[in-house]
């Protein structure tokens, strides 16, 4: 049997292209004692992977050239020589972009195959869900009646933050990149208002119109001019959580923008970066809460699913073109 793997061949300058990736074909590896053979079922592609393509310091080590790219994956155990796993188990973890691979089991956890689709273990019940819940509740400490603004609101994390905000009694405003996404946020996911950042001429004015009581909480997935406009509307004691900055990931130079210290100072506002792994001790109880809400239908799942191992690079590149609504997944 042949096995395909995607190798990180070239560090991108600006937006990634297919030249970054190289497909190699080899025989399917065989597990040794203590190992399992895994067959990939779903591959998660995420914006943060772009940062790992740079050879620079960050909260996670950069990818090494000429090695497989890794991300969140759901896989089936095909053969087991590890007492912790049996053939037929479905597991999730950080794994390589390969159709088949062996693992010693470190970092893998079994998932309930009766909860469908299995891709939710890289979405609502995976890192995006953990990020949305912990970033919102631990840093933001929301109060009923407060106004929450979410940028990147139609993405994997943003959709969940908005829904959690509504469950906790907030007035929720989303910012997205198309009229279709704006309408979806309001009609299907319960956002009170939404803004298309591509068509608004002045973000700060648009925010003021849909947030007449100002902004108490800002969950920032985007950065750049969008965030500048939101922060111009913050209230006293506002909380701003920096979860991502996708507008800057492909920039070759850091763009200049407003200096925000004055706004933060006069409003006694908090701006804090959020890395979900800093809260790993709270993952188990958070997954319990997210699973409860999901099975009760209180959290809606939305995915953009691309089929085929060969399409993983295109799915990843599509994240920076706004081609996804909700979690971008590749089904193998």
Protein backbone atom coordinates (compact mmCIF):
# COMPACT_ATOMS: atom_id res chain seq x y z
CA UNK A 1 0.00 0.00 0.00
CA UNK A 2 1.14 3.53 -0.81
CA UNK A 3 1.00 6.42 1.61
CA UNK A 4 1.05 10.13 0.77
CA UNK A 5 2.57 12.76 3.05
CA UNK A 6 2.70 16.56 2.67
CA UNK A 7 6.13 18.04 3.41
CA UNK A 8 6.85 21.66 4.31
CA UNK A 9 9.27 22.54 1.51
CA UNK A 10 9.52 26.35 1.37
CA UNK A 11 8.86 29.21 3.77
CA UNK A 12 6.32 31.58 2.20
CA UNK A 13 6.78 35.30 1.72
CA UNK A 14 3.38 36.90 2.03
CA UNK A 15 0.37 34.74 1.25
CA UNK A 16 1.18 31.01 1.00
CA UNK A 17 1.05 29.29 -2.38
CA UNK A 18 1.17 25.65 -3.42
CA UNK A 19 4.95 25.98 -3.78
CA UNK A 20 5.16 25.77 0.02
CA UNK A 21 4.02 22.13 -0.05
CA UNK A 22 5.53 18.98 -1.49
CA UNK A 23 3.73 15.63 -1.81
CA UNK A 24 5.84 12.54 -1.24
CA UNK A 25 4.78 8.93 -1.67
CA UNK A 26 6.10 6.06 0.40
CA UNK A 27 5.00 2.71 1.73
CA UNK A 28 2.61 2.57 4.68
CA UNK A 29 4.67 2.35 7.90
CA UNK A 30 4.26 -0.60 10.23
CA UNK A 31 3.78 -0.21 13.98
CA UNK A 32 6.31 -1.56 16.43
CA UNK A 33 5.69 -2.56 20.04
CA UNK A 34 3.91 0.27 21.88
CA UNK A 35 2.73 1.90 18.65
CA UNK A 36 -0.49 2.18 16.65
CA UNK A 37 -1.08 2.54 12.92
CA UNK A 38 -3.49 5.38 12.18
CA UNK A 39 -5.57 6.15 9.11
CA UNK A 40 -6.42 9.83 8.80
CA UNK A 41 -10.13 10.66 8.63
CA UNK A 42 -10.24 14.47 9.03
CA UNK A 43 -7.51 17.11 8.84
CA UNK A 44 -7.95 20.52 10.47
CA UNK A 45 -6.46 23.53 8.68
CA UNK A 46 -6.17 26.66 10.82
CA UNK A 47 -4.90 30.23 10.39
CA UNK A 48 -2.30 29.88 13.17
CA UNK A 49 -0.40 27.38 10.99
CA UNK A 50 0.69 30.36 8.87
CA UNK A 51 2.70 31.69 11.82
CA UNK A 52 4.48 28.36 12.18
CA UNK A 53 5.71 28.72 8.61
CA UNK A 54 7.86 31.69 9.63
CA UNK A 55 11.26 31.05 11.14
CA UNK A 56 10.64 33.38 14.05
CA UNK A 57 9.85 33.24 17.75
CA UNK A 58 6.22 32.67 18.66
CA UNK A 59 4.12 30.82 21.21
CA UNK A 60 4.70 27.59 19.27
CA UNK A 61 7.82 26.34 17.48
CA UNK A 62 8.07 26.96 13.72
CA UNK A 63 7.76 24.11 11.26
CA UNK A 64 11.04 22.58 10.13
CA UNK A 65 11.70 22.50 6.41
CA UNK A 66 11.52 19.10 4.72
CA UNK A 67 9.39 17.62 7.50
CA UNK A 68 5.64 16.83 7.50
CA UNK A 69 3.28 19.63 8.46
CA UNK A 70 1.24 18.87 11.58
CA UNK A 71 -2.20 20.01 12.74
CA UNK A 72 -5.24 18.68 14.53
CA UNK A 73 -6.37 15.36 13.06
CA UNK A 74 -9.08 12.77 13.67
CA UNK A 75 -7.90 9.26 12.81
CA UNK A 76 -8.91 5.60 13.07
CA UNK A 77 -6.70 2.96 14.66
CA UNK A 78 -6.04 0.39 11.93
CA UNK A 79 -3.59 -1.77 13.87
CA UNK A 80 -2.53 -1.59 17.50
CA UNK A 81 0.49 -2.82 19.43
CA UNK A 82 -0.29 -0.42 22.27
CA UNK A 83 -2.43 -1.65 25.17
CA UNK A 84 -4.13 1.74 25.52
CA UNK A 85 -5.74 1.54 22.07
CA UNK A 86 -7.65 -1.08 20.12
CA UNK A 87 -8.26 -1.57 16.43
CA UNK A 88 -11.29 0.50 15.44
CA UNK A 89 -10.78 3.21 18.08
CA UNK A 90 -11.18 6.76 16.82
CA UNK A 91 -8.66 9.22 18.21
CA UNK A 92 -7.79 12.91 17.91
CA UNK A 93 -4.49 14.73 18.37
CA UNK A 94 -1.72 16.71 16.72
CA UNK A 95 -0.47 14.56 13.86
CA UNK A 96 1.26 14.83 10.50
CA UNK A 97 -0.38 15.48 7.16
CA UNK A 98 -0.19 11.84 6.07
CA UNK A 99 -2.81 9.36 4.95
CA UNK A 100 -1.29 6.75 7.30
CA UNK A 101 1.16 7.16 10.18
CA UNK A 102 2.37 5.44 13.31
CA UNK A 103 2.18 6.92 16.81
CA UNK A 104 3.30 5.85 20.26
CA UNK A 105 0.01 7.22 21.57
CA UNK A 106 1.46 10.33 23.23
CA UNK A 107 -0.95 13.24 22.87
CA UNK A 108 -3.76 11.09 21.48
CA UNK A 109 -7.16 10.85 23.11
CA UNK A 110 -10.07 8.59 22.26
CA UNK A 111 -13.27 10.20 21.04
CA UNK A 112 -16.85 8.97 21.09
CA UNK A 113 -17.50 7.76 17.55
CA UNK A 114 -21.24 7.98 18.18
CA UNK A 115 -21.00 11.79 18.31
CA UNK A 116 -21.18 12.90 14.70
CA UNK A 117 -19.74 14.28 12.60
CA UNK A 118 -16.36 13.19 13.90
CA UNK A 119 -14.94 16.50 12.69
CA UNK A 120 -16.50 18.22 15.74
CA UNK A 121 -13.51 16.93 17.71
CA UNK A 122 -11.40 19.47 15.82
CA UNK A 123 -14.14 22.12 16.01
CA UNK A 124 -16.73 22.68 18.72
CA UNK A 125 -15.29 19.88 20.86
CA UNK A 126 -11.68 20.64 19.96
CA UNK A 127 -9.28 23.58 20.02
CA UNK A 128 -11.70 26.16 18.51
CA UNK A 129 -14.31 25.34 21.14
CA UNK A 130 -11.77 25.49 23.95
CA UNK A 131 -10.42 28.78 22.60
CA UNK A 132 -13.86 30.35 22.29
CA UNK A 133 -15.11 29.30 25.72
CA UNK A 134 -11.97 29.90 27.78
CA UNK A 135 -10.95 33.10 26.02
CA UNK A 136 -14.41 34.54 26.47
CA UNK A 137 -15.16 33.41 30.01
CA UNK A 138 -11.72 33.54 31.65
CA UNK A 139 -10.46 36.85 30.28
CA UNK A 140 -13.67 38.63 29.39
CA UNK A 141 -15.68 37.63 32.46
CA UNK A 142 -18.95 38.55 30.71
CA UNK A 143 -21.98 40.02 32.43
CA UNK A 144 -25.55 39.75 31.12
CA UNK A 145 -26.52 42.81 29.11
CA UNK A 146 -22.99 43.71 28.02
CA UNK A 147 -22.16 44.32 24.36
CA UNK A 148 -19.79 41.81 22.77
CA UNK A 149 -18.15 42.43 19.38
CA UNK A 150 -16.47 39.53 17.56
CA UNK A 151 -14.20 39.97 14.53
CA UNK A 152 -13.71 37.02 12.22
CA UNK A 153 -17.20 36.13 13.41
CA UNK A 154 -17.92 33.61 10.65
CA UNK A 155 -14.78 31.59 11.39
CA UNK A 156 -14.40 28.52 13.57
CA UNK A 157 -13.74 30.42 16.82
CA UNK A 158 -15.82 33.50 16.07
CA UNK A 159 -19.04 31.58 15.46
CA UNK A 160 -18.69 29.84 18.80
CA UNK A 161 -17.78 33.00 20.73
CA UNK A 162 -20.94 34.68 19.43
CA UNK A 163 -23.15 31.74 20.37
CA UNK A 164 -21.60 31.45 23.84
CA UNK A 165 -22.05 35.19 24.29
CA UNK A 166 -25.76 34.86 23.57
CA UNK A 167 -26.06 31.92 25.98
CA UNK A 168 -24.55 34.12 28.68
CA UNK A 169 -26.88 37.04 27.98
CA UNK A 170 -24.76 39.44 25.92
CA UNK A 171 -25.77 41.69 23.03
CA UNK A 172 -23.63 40.21 20.25
CA UNK A 173 -22.29 41.95 17.14
CA UNK A 174 -20.25 40.09 14.53
CA UNK A 175 -17.88 41.35 11.85
CA UNK A 176 -17.48 39.21 8.71
CA UNK A 177 -16.43 39.51 5.07
CA UNK A 178 -19.55 39.07 2.95
CA UNK A 179 -23.28 39.83 2.93
CA UNK A 180 -23.94 36.08 2.93
CA UNK A 181 -21.94 35.64 6.14
CA UNK A 182 -23.58 38.67 7.76
CA UNK A 183 -27.03 37.30 7.09
CA UNK A 184 -26.04 33.84 8.31
CA UNK A 185 -24.72 35.23 11.60
CA UNK A 186 -28.06 36.87 12.30
CA UNK A 187 -30.50 34.32 10.90
CA UNK A 188 -28.86 31.04 11.94
CA UNK A 189 -26.50 31.79 14.83
CA UNK A 190 -28.42 34.39 16.81
CA UNK A 191 -26.13 37.41 16.46
CA UNK A 192 -28.05 40.62 17.16
CA UNK A 193 -26.20 42.62 14.52
CA UNK A 194 -23.45 42.03 11.98
CA UNK A 195 -21.21 44.17 9.75
CA UNK A 196 -19.60 43.40 6.38
CA UNK A 197 -16.15 44.92 6.80
CA UNK A 198 -15.53 44.82 3.04
CA UNK A 199 -18.40 47.20 2.25
CA UNK A 200 -18.41 49.53 5.26
CA UNK A 201 -16.60 52.79 4.61
CA UNK A 202 -15.86 53.72 8.22
CA UNK A 203 -15.63 50.88 10.69
CA UNK A 204 -15.70 53.07 13.78
CA UNK A 205 -18.96 54.70 12.61
CA UNK A 206 -20.54 51.35 11.71
CA UNK A 207 -19.64 49.98 15.15
CA UNK A 208 -21.17 53.03 16.83
CA UNK A 209 -24.42 52.51 14.90
CA UNK A 210 -24.89 48.86 15.93
CA UNK A 211 -23.45 49.32 19.43
CA UNK A 212 -25.37 52.35 20.74
CA UNK A 213 -24.29 51.52 24.31
CA UNK A 214 -20.64 51.13 23.34
CA UNK A 215 -18.45 48.02 23.38
CA UNK A 216 -17.80 46.20 26.65
CA UNK A 217 -16.05 43.11 25.28
CA UNK A 218 -14.09 42.70 22.05
CA UNK A 219 -12.96 39.25 20.93
CA UNK A 220 -10.33 40.02 18.32
CA UNK A 221 -9.48 37.38 15.73
CA UNK A 222 -8.38 39.79 13.01
CA UNK A 223 -6.44 42.88 14.12
CA UNK A 224 -5.64 45.74 11.75
CA UNK A 225 -8.07 48.48 10.76
CA UNK A 226 -11.09 46.48 11.90
CA UNK A 227 -9.80 46.41 15.45
CA UNK A 228 -8.84 50.09 15.30
CA UNK A 229 -12.48 50.94 14.56
CA UNK A 230 -13.84 48.73 17.34
CA UNK A 231 -11.47 50.05 19.99
CA UNK A 232 -12.55 53.63 19.22
CA UNK A 233 -15.95 52.61 20.67
CA UNK A 234 -14.95 50.85 23.89
CA UNK A 235 -16.58 51.59 27.23
CA UNK A 236 -15.10 52.11 30.67
CA UNK A 237 -13.52 48.87 31.92
CA UNK A 238 -13.79 47.23 28.48
CA UNK A 239 -11.97 43.92 27.99
CA UNK A 240 -10.15 43.20 24.74
CA UNK A 241 -8.83 39.71 24.10
CA UNK A 242 -6.31 39.20 21.30
CA UNK A 243 -6.95 35.70 19.99
CA UNK A 244 -5.66 36.13 16.44
CA UNK A 245 -4.49 38.67 13.88
CA UNK A 246 -5.23 37.07 10.51
CA UNK A 247 -5.17 40.44 8.73
CA UNK A 248 -1.43 40.62 9.51
CA UNK A 249 -0.30 37.02 9.00
CA UNK A 250 0.75 37.48 5.37
CA UNK A 251 2.20 40.99 5.73
CA UNK A 252 5.89 41.34 4.96
CA UNK A 253 6.05 44.62 6.91
CA UNK A 254 4.17 45.57 10.06
CA UNK A 255 1.66 48.28 9.04
CA UNK A 256 1.35 51.41 11.13
CA UNK A 257 -1.94 52.21 12.81
CA UNK A 258 -3.43 54.28 15.63
CA UNK A 259 -1.65 54.23 18.97
CA UNK A 260 -4.15 52.59 21.31
CA UNK A 261 -2.61 53.36 24.68
CA UNK A 262 -4.66 56.53 25.09
CA UNK A 263 -7.98 54.76 24.53
CA UNK A 264 -7.02 51.98 26.90
CA UNK A 265 -5.87 54.44 29.54
CA UNK A 266 -8.89 56.76 29.64
CA UNK A 267 -11.25 53.78 29.67
CA UNK A 268 -9.31 51.72 32.23
CA UNK A 269 -9.53 48.96 29.61
CA UNK A 270 -7.77 45.61 29.59
CA UNK A 271 -6.10 44.24 26.44
CA UNK A 272 -4.64 40.76 26.81
CA UNK A 273 -3.24 38.15 24.47
CA UNK A 274 -4.83 34.73 24.78
CA UNK A 275 -3.10 31.40 24.09
CA UNK A 276 -5.45 28.54 24.82
CA UNK A 277 -2.74 26.11 25.97
CA UNK A 278 -2.05 28.39 28.93
CA UNK A 279 -5.38 27.15 30.31
CA UNK A 280 -4.86 23.43 29.65
CA UNK A 281 -5.76 22.51 33.25
CA UNK A 282 -9.30 23.60 32.48
CA UNK A 283 -9.69 21.61 29.24
CA UNK A 284 -11.52 18.59 30.73
CA UNK A 285 -14.33 20.51 32.44
CA UNK A 286 -14.61 22.84 29.44
CA UNK A 287 -15.10 19.90 27.06
CA UNK A 288 -17.84 18.59 29.36
CA UNK A 289 -19.67 21.94 29.15
CA UNK A 290 -19.23 22.27 25.39
CA UNK A 291 -20.40 18.69 24.80
CA UNK A 292 -23.50 19.32 26.92
CA UNK A 293 -24.42 22.45 24.97
CA UNK A 294 -23.71 20.73 21.64
CA UNK A 295 -25.84 17.66 22.39
CA UNK A 296 -28.63 19.91 23.69
CA UNK A 297 -28.58 21.86 20.43
CA UNK A 298 -27.53 25.10 22.12
CA UNK A 299 -24.32 25.32 20.09
CA UNK A 300 -24.74 24.94 16.34
CA UNK A 301 -22.00 23.37 14.26
CA UNK A 302 -20.97 24.91 10.96
CA UNK A 303 -18.18 23.56 8.78
CA UNK A 304 -16.70 24.02 5.36
CA UNK A 305 -15.59 20.52 4.34
CA UNK A 306 -13.17 19.99 1.46
CA UNK A 307 -12.78 16.39 0.29
CA UNK A 308 -9.55 14.69 -0.71
CA UNK A 309 -6.04 14.47 0.75
CA UNK A 310 -4.63 16.25 -2.30
CA UNK A 311 -6.76 19.31 -1.49
CA UNK A 312 -5.34 20.01 1.99
CA UNK A 313 -3.03 22.83 0.75
CA UNK A 314 -5.84 24.52 -1.19
CA UNK A 315 -8.11 24.35 1.84
CA UNK A 316 -5.42 25.99 3.97
CA UNK A 317 -4.81 28.75 1.41
CA UNK A 318 -8.57 29.29 1.21
CA UNK A 319 -8.59 30.45 4.84
CA UNK A 320 -6.87 33.67 3.75
CA UNK A 321 -9.39 34.21 0.95
CA UNK A 322 -12.42 33.97 3.23
CA UNK A 323 -13.67 30.81 1.52
CA UNK A 324 -14.77 29.14 4.75
CA UNK A 325 -17.82 29.57 6.95
CA UNK A 326 -17.16 28.02 10.34
CA UNK A 327 -14.46 25.40 10.73
CA UNK A 328 -12.44 24.50 7.65
CA UNK A 329 -11.90 20.74 7.52
CA UNK A 330 -10.56 18.30 4.97
CA UNK A 331 -12.22 14.90 4.80
CA UNK A 332 -9.93 12.13 3.61
